[in-house]
Protein backbone atom coordinates (compact mmCIF):
# COMPACT_ATOMS: atom_id res chain seq x y z
CA MET A 1 53.04 -49.50 14.35
CA THR A 2 51.14 -52.73 14.98
CA THR A 3 49.75 -54.68 12.06
CA LEU A 4 46.45 -56.32 12.88
CA PRO A 5 45.51 -59.68 11.34
CA ILE A 6 41.98 -58.33 10.89
CA SER A 7 41.07 -54.91 9.61
CA PRO A 8 39.07 -52.89 12.16
CA GLN A 9 36.69 -52.03 9.32
CA ARG A 10 36.03 -55.76 8.72
CA ALA A 11 35.53 -56.80 12.35
CA SER A 12 31.96 -57.72 13.21
CA HIS A 13 32.35 -57.88 17.02
CA VAL A 14 34.34 -55.11 18.70
CA LEU A 15 34.78 -54.53 22.44
CA VAL A 16 36.12 -51.22 23.76
CA ALA A 17 37.52 -51.25 27.33
CA SER A 18 38.49 -47.88 28.77
CA PRO A 19 37.71 -45.84 31.89
CA ASN A 20 37.61 -42.77 29.62
CA ARG A 21 34.01 -42.31 28.47
CA ILE A 22 34.97 -39.83 25.73
CA ALA A 23 37.58 -42.19 24.26
CA ARG A 24 35.07 -45.05 24.28
CA LYS A 25 32.47 -42.94 22.50
CA ARG A 26 34.94 -41.83 19.81
CA ILE A 27 35.97 -45.40 19.07
CA LEU A 28 32.34 -46.53 19.08
CA GLU A 29 31.41 -43.81 16.58
CA THR A 30 34.31 -44.79 14.32
CA MET A 31 33.59 -48.52 14.40
CA ARG A 32 29.78 -48.57 14.33
CA THR A 33 28.25 -49.91 11.13
CA PRO A 34 25.05 -51.85 10.45
CA PHE A 35 27.16 -55.02 10.29
CA CYS A 36 29.31 -54.47 13.38
CA ARG A 37 28.42 -55.16 17.00
CA VAL A 38 30.34 -52.69 19.16
CA GLU A 39 30.10 -52.61 22.95
CA GLU A 40 31.88 -50.64 25.61
CA VAL A 41 33.04 -51.37 29.15
CA SER A 42 34.88 -49.22 31.66
CA GLY A 43 37.11 -51.76 33.38
CA GLY A 44 39.17 -54.89 32.98
CA ALA A 45 36.90 -57.21 34.97
CA GLU A 46 33.96 -56.13 32.83
CA ALA A 47 36.05 -56.73 29.68
CA LEU A 48 36.89 -60.28 30.84
CA HIS A 49 33.22 -60.95 31.53
CA HIS A 50 32.27 -59.82 28.02
CA LEU A 51 35.08 -61.86 26.46
CA GLU A 52 33.90 -64.97 28.29
CA ASN A 53 30.32 -64.48 27.07
CA GLY A 54 30.76 -63.40 23.47
CA LEU A 55 32.59 -63.87 20.21
CA TRP A 56 34.73 -60.75 20.12
CA GLN A 57 37.16 -60.32 17.23
CA LEU A 58 38.74 -57.03 18.21
CA LEU A 59 39.47 -55.53 21.63
CA PHE A 60 40.49 -51.93 22.19
CA LEU A 61 42.12 -52.08 25.63
CA ASP A 62 43.08 -48.91 27.48
CA ARG A 63 46.21 -49.49 29.57
CA ARG A 64 44.91 -47.18 32.32
CA LEU A 65 42.29 -49.51 33.72
CA PRO A 66 41.07 -48.67 37.23
CA ASP A 67 40.56 -52.23 38.46
CA LEU A 68 43.16 -54.53 36.85
CA ASN A 69 46.79 -54.34 35.83
CA ALA A 70 46.73 -53.96 32.03
CA GLU A 71 49.84 -56.09 31.44
CA GLU A 72 48.46 -58.95 33.52
CA LEU A 73 45.09 -58.65 31.82
CA THR A 74 46.74 -58.71 28.40
CA ALA A 75 48.58 -61.93 29.34
CA VAL A 76 45.31 -63.53 30.48
CA ILE A 77 43.55 -62.47 27.28
CA GLN A 78 46.37 -63.82 25.11
CA GLN A 79 46.21 -67.14 26.91
CA ARG A 80 42.42 -67.56 27.17
CA PHE A 81 41.25 -65.77 24.02
CA PRO A 82 44.04 -66.16 21.43
CA ASP A 83 41.75 -65.35 18.49
CA THR A 84 40.86 -61.92 19.87
CA VAL A 85 43.03 -59.18 18.42
CA ARG A 86 44.20 -56.59 20.94
């Protein structure tokens, strides 16, 4: 099990990246609070775009992305956005 440095319940900016619409909706429903900004994207390129243009604390990244290799994307995110928890 992975221990996150930030509790998902305390994150104020959450990005969900998955091609699975149902999975995205379930995570969105779980995370949504009046104090939390939660957005969803369906691909890796879209996730990168959002990361470049926002202050995201937590990223739910589906490994079955249709447009980018998830391992390569994870390496890019770790390098460019080290404060974002994956």
